[in-house]
């Protein structure tokens, strides 16, 4: 098995599931309001 397959051959999330601060800020520029609700929560 190659290095890529070994690293991502697990069912867990490697980097987590929450968006980071940069993505949260940038989502305002490229998503519709419904899409943004997934990233920006009050």
N, C-alpha and C. Protein backbone atom coordinates (compact mmCIF):
# COMPACT_ATOMS: atom_id res chain seq x y z
N UNK A 1 0.86 -1.17 0.00
CA UNK A 1 0.00 0.00 0.00
C UNK A 1 0.91 1.25 0.00
N UNK A 2 0.57 2.22 -0.83
CA UNK A 2 1.41 3.42 -0.91
C UNK A 2 1.16 4.37 0.27
N UNK A 3 1.99 5.37 0.40
CA UNK A 3 1.93 6.30 1.53
C UNK A 3 0.58 7.02 1.61
N UNK A 4 0.06 7.44 0.47
CA UNK A 4 -1.22 8.15 0.44
C UNK A 4 -2.34 7.25 0.98
N UNK A 5 -2.41 6.02 0.51
CA UNK A 5 -3.45 5.10 0.97
C UNK A 5 -3.31 4.78 2.45
N UNK A 6 -2.10 4.63 2.94
CA UNK A 6 -1.90 4.35 4.35
C UNK A 6 -2.36 5.51 5.22
N UNK A 7 -2.08 6.72 4.77
CA UNK A 7 -2.44 7.89 5.56
C UNK A 7 -3.94 8.11 5.64
N UNK A 8 -4.65 7.87 4.55
CA UNK A 8 -6.08 8.17 4.49
C UNK A 8 -6.96 6.93 4.47
N UNK A 9 -6.46 5.82 4.93
CA UNK A 9 -7.21 4.57 4.93
C UNK A 9 -8.03 4.37 6.20
N UNK A 10 -8.30 5.44 6.92
CA UNK A 10 -9.05 5.36 8.17
C UNK A 10 -10.41 6.03 7.99
N UNK A 11 -11.36 5.66 8.82
CA UNK A 11 -12.69 6.26 8.75
C UNK A 11 -12.77 7.59 9.49
N UNK A 12 -11.75 7.95 10.23
CA UNK A 12 -11.76 9.20 10.98
C UNK A 12 -11.34 10.37 10.09
N UNK A 13 -11.69 11.56 10.51
CA UNK A 13 -11.29 12.77 9.78
C UNK A 13 -9.88 13.15 10.19
N UNK A 14 -9.00 13.32 9.23
CA UNK A 14 -7.61 13.61 9.52
C UNK A 14 -7.43 15.02 10.08
N UNK A 15 -8.17 15.99 9.56
CA UNK A 15 -8.02 17.38 9.99
C UNK A 15 -9.23 17.91 10.74
N UNK A 16 -10.15 17.05 11.16
CA UNK A 16 -11.33 17.50 11.88
C UNK A 16 -12.47 17.85 10.94
N UNK A 17 -13.57 18.29 11.51
CA UNK A 17 -14.75 18.59 10.70
C UNK A 17 -15.16 20.07 10.74
N UNK A 18 -14.62 20.82 11.67
CA UNK A 18 -14.98 22.24 11.79
C UNK A 18 -14.13 23.08 10.84
N UNK A 19 -14.75 24.09 10.20
CA UNK A 19 -13.97 24.96 9.32
C UNK A 19 -13.04 25.85 10.14
N UNK A 20 -11.89 26.18 9.57
CA UNK A 20 -10.98 27.07 10.29
C UNK A 20 -11.43 28.53 10.11
N UNK A 21 -10.79 29.43 10.82
CA UNK A 21 -11.18 30.85 10.78
C UNK A 21 -11.10 31.43 9.37
N UNK A 22 -10.05 31.09 8.63
CA UNK A 22 -9.90 31.62 7.27
C UNK A 22 -11.07 31.20 6.39
N UNK A 23 -11.44 29.94 6.41
CA UNK A 23 -12.56 29.47 5.60
C UNK A 23 -13.86 30.13 6.01
N UNK A 24 -14.06 30.28 7.29
CA UNK A 24 -15.27 30.92 7.80
C UNK A 24 -15.38 32.35 7.25
N UNK A 25 -14.29 33.09 7.24
CA UNK A 25 -14.31 34.45 6.72
C UNK A 25 -14.50 34.48 5.20
N UNK A 26 -13.85 33.61 4.47
CA UNK A 26 -13.92 33.61 3.01
C UNK A 26 -15.26 33.08 2.51
N UNK A 27 -15.94 32.27 3.27
CA UNK A 27 -17.22 31.70 2.85
C UNK A 27 -18.23 32.79 2.56
N UNK A 28 -18.10 33.91 3.23
CA UNK A 28 -19.02 35.03 3.00
C UNK A 28 -18.93 35.55 1.57
N UNK A 29 -17.79 35.37 0.94
CA UNK A 29 -17.58 35.90 -0.40
C UNK A 29 -18.00 34.95 -1.52
N UNK A 30 -18.04 33.65 -1.26
CA UNK A 30 -18.30 32.74 -2.37
C UNK A 30 -19.50 31.82 -2.20
N UNK A 31 -20.23 31.91 -1.11
CA UNK A 31 -21.38 31.04 -0.90
C UNK A 31 -22.68 31.83 -0.83
N UNK A 32 -23.75 31.16 -1.21
CA UNK A 32 -25.08 31.70 -1.01
C UNK A 32 -25.42 31.61 0.48
N UNK A 33 -26.42 32.33 0.95
CA UNK A 33 -26.76 32.29 2.39
C UNK A 33 -27.00 30.89 2.95
N UNK A 34 -27.60 30.01 2.19
CA UNK A 34 -27.84 28.65 2.68
C UNK A 34 -26.51 27.93 2.88
N UNK A 35 -25.60 28.09 1.94
CA UNK A 35 -24.27 27.47 2.05
C UNK A 35 -23.52 28.04 3.24
N UNK A 36 -23.60 29.33 3.44
CA UNK A 36 -22.89 29.98 4.54
C UNK A 36 -23.35 29.48 5.89
N UNK A 37 -24.61 29.08 6.00
CA UNK A 37 -25.11 28.62 7.29
C UNK A 37 -24.37 27.39 7.78
N UNK A 38 -23.74 26.65 6.88
CA UNK A 38 -22.97 25.49 7.27
C UNK A 38 -21.64 25.89 7.91
N UNK A 39 -21.12 27.07 7.54
CA UNK A 39 -19.81 27.51 8.00
C UNK A 39 -19.86 28.58 9.09
N UNK A 40 -20.83 29.45 9.00
CA UNK A 40 -20.87 30.60 9.90
C UNK A 40 -22.10 30.46 10.78
N UNK A 41 -21.84 30.14 12.01
CA UNK A 41 -22.97 29.98 12.94
C UNK A 41 -22.89 31.10 13.96
N UNK A 42 -24.05 31.62 14.37
CA UNK A 42 -24.07 32.72 15.35
C UNK A 42 -23.51 32.31 16.69
